[in-house]
Amino acid sequence: MIRIYGMPSCSYCDFIHEQIAGREDEFEYINIAEHIRFLSAFIRLRDTNPVFDRMKEIGDVGIPAFVFEDGRVSIDPADAGLIEYGSAAACSVEDHKSGRKGC
């Protein structure tokens, strides 16, 4: 199972969350805004994993973040077989704001 850290106020996370709907046997989505223990777990991961170095350097949070069963961490949705927000296969910002399903 792939664990995904994200939060609802993140359009990139929302886009990922829509893609995994109904696929709870493959993905566990952890809303870091839901409880302090989830945020704390993500911060520990972010502070100790070099995958996030570039994100921290540019002032980005680093979500959505993907943690694989083997412990590998990625910030690239393609590594989890998902489509990245803003890619050619993704919806536009306007689609997302208007509530288009899957955006």
N, C-alpha and C. Protein backbone atom coordinates (compact mmCIF):
# COMPACT_ATOMS: atom_id res chain seq x y z
N MET A 1 0.85 -1.18 0.00
CA MET A 1 0.00 0.00 0.00
C MET A 1 0.89 1.24 0.00
N ILE A 2 0.51 2.22 -0.76
CA ILE A 2 1.23 3.49 -0.83
C ILE A 2 0.54 4.50 0.07
N ARG A 3 1.30 5.07 0.98
CA ARG A 3 0.79 6.10 1.88
C ARG A 3 1.03 7.46 1.21
N ILE A 4 0.00 8.29 1.19
CA ILE A 4 0.10 9.62 0.58
C ILE A 4 -0.22 10.66 1.63
N TYR A 5 0.73 11.59 1.83
CA TYR A 5 0.50 12.72 2.73
C TYR A 5 0.03 13.91 1.90
N GLY A 6 -1.06 14.53 2.32
CA GLY A 6 -1.60 15.69 1.62
C GLY A 6 -2.57 16.43 2.52
N MET A 7 -3.23 17.43 1.92
CA MET A 7 -4.27 18.17 2.65
C MET A 7 -5.25 18.80 1.67
N PRO A 8 -6.50 19.01 2.08
CA PRO A 8 -7.54 19.48 1.19
C PRO A 8 -7.32 20.87 0.59
N SER A 9 -6.57 21.73 1.24
CA SER A 9 -6.37 23.08 0.70
C SER A 9 -5.27 23.11 -0.37
N CYS A 10 -4.72 21.96 -0.72
CA CYS A 10 -3.67 21.84 -1.73
C CYS A 10 -4.29 21.28 -3.01
N SER A 11 -4.31 22.09 -4.07
CA SER A 11 -4.94 21.62 -5.32
C SER A 11 -4.20 20.42 -5.91
N TYR A 12 -2.88 20.35 -5.71
CA TYR A 12 -2.12 19.19 -6.18
C TYR A 12 -2.57 17.93 -5.45
N CYS A 13 -2.81 18.07 -4.15
CA CYS A 13 -3.27 16.94 -3.33
C CYS A 13 -4.69 16.53 -3.70
N ASP A 14 -5.56 17.52 -3.91
CA ASP A 14 -6.93 17.22 -4.32
C ASP A 14 -6.95 16.41 -5.62
N PHE A 15 -6.10 16.79 -6.54
CA PHE A 15 -6.03 16.10 -7.83
C PHE A 15 -5.62 14.64 -7.63
N ILE A 16 -4.67 14.41 -6.75
CA ILE A 16 -4.24 13.04 -6.43
C ILE A 16 -5.35 12.30 -5.70
N HIS A 17 -5.97 12.96 -4.73
CA HIS A 17 -7.02 12.33 -3.92
C HIS A 17 -8.16 11.83 -4.79
N GLU A 18 -8.55 12.60 -5.79
CA GLU A 18 -9.60 12.18 -6.73
C GLU A 18 -9.19 10.93 -7.51
N GLN A 19 -7.92 10.83 -7.86
CA GLN A 19 -7.45 9.68 -8.64
C GLN A 19 -7.46 8.38 -7.85
N ILE A 20 -7.37 8.47 -6.53
CA ILE A 20 -7.29 7.26 -5.72
C ILE A 20 -8.62 6.88 -5.08
N ALA A 21 -9.65 7.67 -5.33
CA ALA A 21 -10.97 7.38 -4.77
C ALA A 21 -11.40 5.97 -5.16
N GLY A 22 -11.80 5.19 -4.16
CA GLY A 22 -12.23 3.82 -4.40
C GLY A 22 -11.08 2.83 -4.51
N ARG A 23 -9.88 3.29 -4.28
CA ARG A 23 -8.70 2.41 -4.39
C ARG A 23 -7.98 2.27 -3.05
N GLU A 24 -8.78 2.16 -1.98
CA GLU A 24 -8.24 2.10 -0.62
C GLU A 24 -7.37 0.88 -0.38
N ASP A 25 -7.48 -0.12 -1.22
CA ASP A 25 -6.62 -1.30 -1.08
C ASP A 25 -5.21 -1.03 -1.62
N GLU A 26 -5.04 0.05 -2.39
CA GLU A 26 -3.75 0.40 -2.97
C GLU A 26 -3.11 1.62 -2.29
N PHE A 27 -3.95 2.54 -1.82
CA PHE A 27 -3.47 3.82 -1.30
C PHE A 27 -4.10 4.16 0.04
N GLU A 28 -3.30 4.77 0.90
CA GLU A 28 -3.81 5.33 2.15
C GLU A 28 -3.52 6.83 2.10
N TYR A 29 -4.57 7.64 2.08
CA TYR A 29 -4.42 9.09 2.03
C TYR A 29 -4.46 9.63 3.45
N ILE A 30 -3.42 10.34 3.82
CA ILE A 30 -3.34 10.91 5.16
C ILE A 30 -3.44 12.43 5.05
N ASN A 31 -4.53 12.96 5.57
CA ASN A 31 -4.78 14.40 5.57
C ASN A 31 -4.02 15.00 6.75
N ILE A 32 -2.90 15.67 6.45
CA ILE A 32 -2.06 16.21 7.53
C ILE A 32 -2.72 17.37 8.27
N ALA A 33 -3.81 17.89 7.75
CA ALA A 33 -4.53 18.97 8.42
C ALA A 33 -5.58 18.43 9.38
N GLU A 34 -5.83 17.13 9.32
CA GLU A 34 -6.89 16.53 10.12
C GLU A 34 -6.52 16.38 11.60
N HIS A 35 -5.27 16.08 11.87
CA HIS A 35 -4.85 15.87 13.25
C HIS A 35 -3.36 16.18 13.39
N ILE A 36 -2.99 16.70 14.52
CA ILE A 36 -1.60 17.09 14.76
C ILE A 36 -0.65 15.91 14.64
N ARG A 37 -1.10 14.71 14.99
CA ARG A 37 -0.20 13.55 14.88
C ARG A 37 0.14 13.24 13.43
N PHE A 38 -0.79 13.52 12.49
CA PHE A 38 -0.52 13.31 11.06
C PHE A 38 0.47 14.36 10.56
N LEU A 39 0.27 15.60 10.98
CA LEU A 39 1.19 16.68 10.60
C LEU A 39 2.58 16.40 11.17
N SER A 40 2.64 15.96 12.40
CA SER A 40 3.91 15.65 13.05
C SER A 40 4.65 14.53 12.31
N ALA A 41 3.93 13.50 11.91
CA ALA A 41 4.55 12.38 11.17
C ALA A 41 5.11 12.87 9.85
N PHE A 42 4.35 13.74 9.17
CA PHE A 42 4.84 14.27 7.90
C PHE A 42 6.06 15.16 8.11
N ILE A 43 6.03 16.01 9.11
CA ILE A 43 7.17 16.90 9.36
C ILE A 43 8.42 16.09 9.67
N ARG A 44 8.29 15.02 10.47
CA ARG A 44 9.44 14.16 10.75
C ARG A 44 10.00 13.57 9.46
N LEU A 45 9.10 13.10 8.59
CA LEU A 45 9.51 12.54 7.30
C LEU A 45 10.22 13.60 6.47
N ARG A 46 9.64 14.77 6.38
CA ARG A 46 10.18 15.87 5.57
C ARG A 46 11.53 16.35 6.10
N ASP A 47 11.66 16.38 7.40
CA ASP A 47 12.90 16.89 8.00
C ASP A 47 14.05 15.90 7.94
N THR A 48 13.76 14.64 7.70
CA THR A 48 14.82 13.63 7.73
C THR A 48 15.10 12.97 6.39
N ASN A 49 14.30 13.27 5.36
CA ASN A 49 14.48 12.60 4.08
C ASN A 49 15.01 13.58 3.04
N PRO A 50 16.12 13.25 2.38
CA PRO A 50 16.71 14.16 1.39
C PRO A 50 15.85 14.40 0.16
N VAL A 51 14.81 13.60 -0.04
CA VAL A 51 13.89 13.83 -1.17
C VAL A 51 13.30 15.23 -1.09
N PHE A 52 13.16 15.74 0.12
CA PHE A 52 12.51 17.03 0.34
C PHE A 52 13.48 18.21 0.32
N ASP A 53 14.76 17.97 0.17
CA ASP A 53 15.74 19.05 0.24
C ASP A 53 15.43 20.18 -0.73
N ARG A 54 15.14 19.85 -1.97
CA ARG A 54 14.84 20.88 -2.98
C ARG A 54 13.56 21.63 -2.62
N MET A 55 12.56 20.91 -2.14
CA MET A 55 11.29 21.54 -1.75
C MET A 55 11.53 22.56 -0.64
N LYS A 56 12.29 22.17 0.36
CA LYS A 56 12.59 23.09 1.47
C LYS A 56 13.39 24.29 0.97
N GLU A 57 14.31 24.04 0.07
CA GLU A 57 15.15 25.10 -0.49
C GLU A 57 14.33 26.19 -1.18
N ILE A 58 13.27 25.79 -1.87
CA ILE A 58 12.44 26.76 -2.59
C ILE A 58 11.23 27.22 -1.78
N GLY A 59 11.11 26.74 -0.54
CA GLY A 59 10.01 27.17 0.32
C GLY A 59 8.72 26.43 0.09
N ASP A 60 8.80 25.26 -0.52
CA ASP A 60 7.60 24.45 -0.79
C ASP A 60 7.40 23.46 0.36
N VAL A 61 6.18 23.04 0.57
CA VAL A 61 5.87 22.11 1.64
C VAL A 61 6.32 20.69 1.29
N GLY A 62 6.07 20.27 0.04
CA GLY A 62 6.46 18.93 -0.37
C GLY A 62 5.32 17.93 -0.35
N ILE A 63 4.09 18.43 -0.50
CA ILE A 63 2.94 17.54 -0.61
C ILE A 63 2.32 17.71 -1.98
N PRO A 64 1.73 16.68 -2.49
CA PRO A 64 1.60 15.36 -1.92
C PRO A 64 2.94 14.62 -1.90
N ALA A 65 3.10 13.82 -0.87
CA ALA A 65 4.29 13.00 -0.72
C ALA A 65 3.86 11.53 -0.66
N PHE A 66 4.63 10.68 -1.28
CA PHE A 66 4.30 9.27 -1.42
C PHE A 66 5.32 8.42 -0.68
N VAL A 67 4.84 7.53 0.19
CA VAL A 67 5.71 6.62 0.93
C VAL A 67 5.31 5.20 0.52
N PHE A 68 6.27 4.48 -0.04
CA PHE A 68 6.02 3.14 -0.56
C PHE A 68 6.30 2.09 0.51
N GLU A 69 5.79 0.89 0.29
CA GLU A 69 5.92 -0.19 1.26
C GLU A 69 7.37 -0.49 1.61
N ASP A 70 8.27 -0.30 0.66
CA ASP A 70 9.68 -0.58 0.92
C ASP A 70 10.39 0.58 1.65
N GLY A 71 9.63 1.64 1.99
CA GLY A 71 10.18 2.78 2.71
C GLY A 71 10.65 3.91 1.81
N ARG A 72 10.67 3.67 0.51
CA ARG A 72 11.07 4.72 -0.43
C ARG A 72 10.07 5.86 -0.38
N VAL A 73 10.58 7.09 -0.52
CA VAL A 73 9.75 8.30 -0.48
C VAL A 73 9.91 9.05 -1.79
N SER A 74 8.80 9.58 -2.30
CA SER A 74 8.83 10.34 -3.55
C SER A 74 7.85 11.50 -3.46
N ILE A 75 8.12 12.51 -4.25
CA ILE A 75 7.16 13.60 -4.41
C ILE A 75 6.66 13.65 -5.85
N ASP A 76 6.93 12.59 -6.59
CA ASP A 76 6.52 12.48 -7.99
C ASP A 76 5.35 11.51 -8.11
N PRO A 77 4.14 12.00 -8.43
CA PRO A 77 2.98 11.13 -8.56
C PRO A 77 3.17 9.98 -9.55
N ALA A 78 3.97 10.19 -10.58
CA ALA A 78 4.20 9.13 -11.57
C ALA A 78 4.82 7.90 -10.93
N ASP A 79 5.61 8.07 -9.89
CA ASP A 79 6.20 6.93 -9.19
C ASP A 79 5.14 6.03 -8.58
N ALA A 80 3.97 6.61 -8.29
CA ALA A 80 2.85 5.86 -7.72
C ALA A 80 1.83 5.49 -8.79
N GLY A 81 2.17 5.74 -10.05
CA GLY A 81 1.26 5.43 -11.15
C GLY A 81 0.12 6.43 -11.29
N LEU A 82 0.33 7.65 -10.80
CA LEU A 82 -0.71 8.68 -10.84
C LEU A 82 -0.27 9.82 -11.73
N ILE A 83 -1.21 10.68 -12.08
CA ILE A 83 -0.96 11.81 -12.97
C ILE A 83 -0.70 13.06 -12.14
N GLU A 84 0.32 13.79 -12.50
CA GLU A 84 0.67 15.02 -11.78
C GLU A 84 -0.22 16.17 -12.23
N TYR A 85 -0.67 16.95 -11.26
CA TYR A 85 -1.45 18.15 -11.55
C TYR A 85 -0.62 19.09 -12.40
N GLY A 86 -1.20 19.62 -13.45
CA GLY A 86 -0.49 20.54 -14.32
C GLY A 86 0.19 19.87 -15.49
N SER A 87 0.20 18.54 -15.53
CA SER A 87 0.80 17.84 -16.66
C SER A 87 -0.19 17.86 -17.83
N ALA A 88 0.27 17.43 -18.98
CA ALA A 88 -0.60 17.42 -20.17
C ALA A 88 -1.84 16.58 -19.97
N ALA A 89 -1.74 15.54 -19.15
CA ALA A 89 -2.89 14.66 -18.90
C ALA A 89 -3.82 15.17 -17.82
N ALA A 90 -3.44 16.25 -17.16
CA ALA A 90 -4.22 16.79 -16.04
C ALA A 90 -5.22 17.84 -16.51
N CYS A 91 -6.08 18.23 -15.59
CA CYS A 91 -7.06 19.27 -15.84
C CYS A 91 -6.42 20.64 -15.64
N SER A 92 -7.12 21.66 -16.09
CA SER A 92 -6.64 23.03 -15.89
C SER A 92 -7.04 23.52 -14.50
N VAL A 93 -6.46 24.61 -14.08
CA VAL A 93 -6.82 25.23 -12.80
C VAL A 93 -8.30 25.60 -12.81
N GLU A 94 -8.78 26.11 -13.94
CA GLU A 94 -10.19 26.47 -14.05
C GLU A 94 -11.09 25.25 -13.86
N ASP A 95 -10.68 24.09 -14.45
CA ASP A 95 -11.45 22.86 -14.26
C ASP A 95 -11.53 22.51 -12.78
N HIS A 96 -10.40 22.61 -12.10
CA HIS A 96 -10.34 22.27 -10.67
C HIS A 96 -11.25 23.20 -9.86
N LYS A 97 -11.14 24.48 -10.11
CA LYS A 97 -11.94 25.46 -9.37
C LYS A 97 -13.43 25.29 -9.60
N SER A 98 -13.79 24.87 -10.81
CA SER A 98 -15.22 24.71 -11.12
C SER A 98 -15.77 23.38 -10.59
N GLY A 99 -14.87 22.56 -10.00
CA GLY A 99 -15.34 21.31 -9.40
C GLY A 99 -15.42 20.15 -10.36
N ARG A 100 -14.79 20.25 -11.53
CA ARG A 100 -14.81 19.15 -12.48
C ARG A 100 -14.29 17.88 -11.83
N LYS A 101 -15.00 16.80 -11.95
CA LYS A 101 -14.63 15.52 -11.36
C LYS A 101 -13.26 15.10 -11.85
N GLY A 102 -12.41 14.69 -10.90
CA GLY A 102 -11.07 14.25 -11.25
C GLY A 102 -10.06 15.36 -11.35
N CYS A 103 -10.49 16.58 -11.04
CA CYS A 103 -9.58 17.73 -11.14
C CYS A 103 -9.29 18.31 -9.77
